[in-house]
Structures are given as C-alpha cells and as structure tokens.
Amino acid sequence: MAQNVEIKARLDDITIQRRLVAGLSDFTVRFIKQKDYFLHARQGRLKLRLFENGSGQLISYVRKNQTGPKISEYNIYETADPHSLLAVLEKSHGIRGVVEKSRELYHCGKTRIHLDQVYDLGDFLELEVVLGEHEDRRAGEKEAAELMKKLQISEDNLVADAYIDLLEKTS
C-alpha cells in the first residue's frame, strides 16, 4: 500500500490560503470537480471518485480519525468506466453517501496541497505528504508541520474526520 501523512483543516477564509499556497507551489494549479461515492466497507473507507472527463478512481484507504498529522495507507485503481463499476459496487456494498467538491490541486515538493470547497460543508485545506516506500513517517510529519506554519494553519482548525463523516454528523 502507498502511504502519505495527512492533515485536514477547516478554513475561515480560503482566499488567504490560496494566496499563500500559490506562492509555495511548484506547478500551476489544477482545478478539479469531484464526486466521491462512499461505499460501505469492512475496514477503512472505500470510495469511487468520478471526474468531469468521465474517468474515475476506486480508492481504498485506512486512516485514523485524529486532528494532527496522520498516516493514510491507500490503494488506487484507475478506471475509464466508473459508472459501470459504481453499479456493481452499489449492488455489492451499498452506497454510504456522496461527497461533491471543487478542488484546487497544488504541489509543493512531495506534498499535494488541496483547497477544497465541499458542498454542504464549507472550505478546507488538505496536505498529503507522499512517503517513499521505506521513508520514515516522522519526515512526513515534520514536512506537514512546516507547511502548516507557512500556510498559517492553526491547530484549532484541524479536523479529524473524513468529509463523509462530517456530512453524516450534519444530517
């Protein structure tokens, strides 16, 4: 399984982080609209992500619900026919819920930075520090902590839960 160190934070004003992230980014921002179908899973989380261009990704991941930097272990399966795959998964697993978001994707070194506008939840920032196969998680945690400072992310704004968990708590 691939691994990364993640943090998620609720944003009070996305324009502040947008300006700060743009100054750190190695690449031009990518704008992505995503619709994630979360399925019932025995372990961790399982979601089918649909993109505007008709492609998709089946993503299985395990991550603790904690506010600070946390390890996420994941597998991704790319598909050109996500709607057919969704029909099969819906019958076998059942749909837990759907998360819709507009994402701005930035890169800073080995970290993916997401500015997410999540329908019915608000604005968030996610850091995903991608770890090498034998890389120590402490290096990823250190990088996440340094980026949090540069991006003015307060520990008070950190979020433990996945978007699907937050949506379930609001309904």
Foldseek 3Di string as FASTA:
>chain_A
DWKWKKWKFADPDVVLLVVLQVVQFPDDKDKWKWKWFWFADPAATWIWIATPVQKIKIKGWHWFQDFAITMIDMDIDIGSHSVVVVVVRCVVTNTLDMKIWIWIWTDHPQKIWIWIQIPPPGTMIMIIRTDDPPGDVVVNRVVVVVVCVSSVPDSVRIGRDDPSVVVVVVD
